[in-house]
């Protein structure tokens, strides 16, 4: 079955950077698009970024455009989310999603 394991979250100051990773197993990773979502307390889940199966196409939510970059390494079954210029409003649990499956999420907290 689909398994997705995120890592890389943590506490960072405003303006800082983090790189999240999501390692996938249980399906043919290189055949599927991958997504990063986030959910802040009391708010709806939000699509942050998507990447096509071969990495040729990426899309971003308006709130992260120009600051976040999604990428993938099909040889490592891993998708990344590079987050720069972080803001307090980026605080959320970040989860990766593919083929109907979800990871457990990783907490990102942006605070001074």
Protein backbone atom coordinates (compact mmCIF):
# COMPACT_ATOMS: atom_id res chain seq x y z
CA UNK A 1 0.00 0.00 0.00
CA UNK A 2 0.98 3.64 -0.34
CA UNK A 3 3.39 4.79 2.36
CA UNK A 4 4.63 8.35 2.66
CA UNK A 5 7.04 9.50 5.35
CA UNK A 6 7.78 13.19 5.81
CA UNK A 7 10.72 14.72 7.63
CA UNK A 8 12.53 18.02 7.97
CA UNK A 9 10.09 20.10 9.95
CA UNK A 10 11.02 22.13 12.98
CA UNK A 11 11.15 25.55 14.59
CA UNK A 12 12.61 28.37 12.50
CA UNK A 13 12.72 32.14 12.83
CA UNK A 14 10.85 34.40 10.40
CA UNK A 15 12.89 34.81 7.23
CA UNK A 16 14.55 31.43 7.68
CA UNK A 17 14.51 28.31 5.53
CA UNK A 18 13.64 24.65 5.85
CA UNK A 19 13.67 21.73 3.44
CA UNK A 20 11.04 19.05 3.85
CA UNK A 21 11.41 15.55 2.43
CA UNK A 22 8.84 12.87 1.73
CA UNK A 23 9.97 9.32 1.00
CA UNK A 24 7.42 7.20 -0.84
CA UNK A 25 6.96 3.45 -1.14
CA UNK A 26 4.29 0.96 -2.15
CA UNK A 27 3.70 2.34 -5.63
CA UNK A 28 5.62 3.29 -8.77
CA UNK A 29 6.77 6.71 -7.60
CA UNK A 30 8.01 7.87 -10.99
CA UNK A 31 4.54 7.43 -12.52
CA UNK A 32 2.62 9.76 -10.21
CA UNK A 33 2.38 13.42 -9.49
CA UNK A 34 3.10 14.42 -5.91
CA UNK A 35 1.57 17.09 -3.71
CA UNK A 36 2.44 18.97 -0.55
CA UNK A 37 -0.44 20.16 1.63
CA UNK A 38 -0.50 22.02 4.90
CA UNK A 39 -3.02 22.51 7.66
CA UNK A 40 -2.83 25.13 10.37
CA UNK A 41 -4.87 24.85 13.58
CA UNK A 42 -8.48 25.77 12.97
CA UNK A 43 -7.98 26.14 9.23
CA UNK A 44 -8.80 24.02 6.20
CA UNK A 45 -6.15 21.93 4.53
CA UNK A 46 -4.38 23.93 1.82
CA UNK A 47 -2.60 22.72 -1.30
CA UNK A 48 0.92 24.15 -1.17
CA UNK A 49 2.59 22.72 -4.26
CA UNK A 50 2.34 19.97 -6.86
CA UNK A 51 4.85 18.38 -9.20
CA UNK A 52 4.22 16.17 -12.22
CA UNK A 53 5.50 12.60 -12.45
CA UNK A 54 8.66 13.64 -14.27
CA UNK A 55 9.17 16.99 -12.58
CA UNK A 56 8.47 18.95 -15.75
CA UNK A 57 5.48 20.83 -14.33
CA UNK A 58 5.06 22.46 -10.96
CA UNK A 59 2.25 24.51 -9.47
CA UNK A 60 2.09 26.54 -6.27
CA UNK A 61 -0.48 28.05 -4.00
CA UNK A 62 -0.65 31.83 -4.22
CA UNK A 63 0.54 32.24 -0.64
CA UNK A 64 3.87 30.48 -1.29
CA UNK A 65 4.70 31.46 -4.88
CA UNK A 66 8.23 32.78 -5.19
CA UNK A 67 9.23 31.44 -1.75
CA UNK A 68 8.74 27.66 -1.94
CA UNK A 69 10.12 25.20 -4.47
CA UNK A 70 8.93 21.64 -4.99
CA UNK A 71 11.26 19.08 -6.57
CA UNK A 72 11.63 15.34 -6.81
CA UNK A 73 14.27 12.65 -7.20
CA UNK A 74 12.69 9.62 -8.84
CA UNK A 75 15.81 7.54 -8.20
CA UNK A 76 15.30 8.06 -4.46
CA UNK A 77 11.47 7.95 -4.44
CA UNK A 78 11.58 11.31 -2.70
CA UNK A 79 9.83 14.64 -3.11
CA UNK A 80 11.16 17.81 -1.51
CA UNK A 81 9.76 21.16 -0.49
CA UNK A 82 12.33 23.92 -0.13
CA UNK A 83 10.82 26.72 1.93
CA UNK A 84 12.54 30.11 2.01
CA UNK A 85 11.60 33.47 3.51
CA UNK A 86 9.35 31.72 5.98
CA UNK A 87 6.61 33.70 7.70
CA UNK A 88 4.67 33.03 10.91
CA UNK A 89 1.61 32.30 8.77
CA UNK A 90 3.47 29.35 7.23
CA UNK A 91 3.16 27.56 10.57
CA UNK A 92 1.29 24.32 9.95
CA UNK A 93 1.54 20.57 9.68
CA UNK A 94 2.89 19.76 6.23
CA UNK A 95 1.91 16.48 4.58
CA UNK A 96 2.67 14.87 1.27
CA UNK A 97 0.02 13.18 -0.80
CA UNK A 98 -0.07 10.87 -3.76
CA UNK A 99 -2.30 8.17 -5.20
CA UNK A 100 -4.87 8.78 -2.49
CA UNK A 101 -2.40 8.24 0.33
CA UNK A 102 -1.13 10.61 3.02
CA UNK A 103 1.88 10.83 5.23
CA UNK A 104 1.71 11.49 8.96
CA UNK A 105 2.88 15.06 8.48
CA UNK A 106 5.72 17.14 9.85
CA UNK A 107 5.26 20.24 11.98
CA UNK A 108 6.69 23.53 10.79
CA UNK A 109 6.67 26.39 13.27
CA UNK A 110 7.83 29.86 12.28
CA UNK A 111 8.33 32.04 15.32
CA UNK A 112 10.83 34.36 16.90
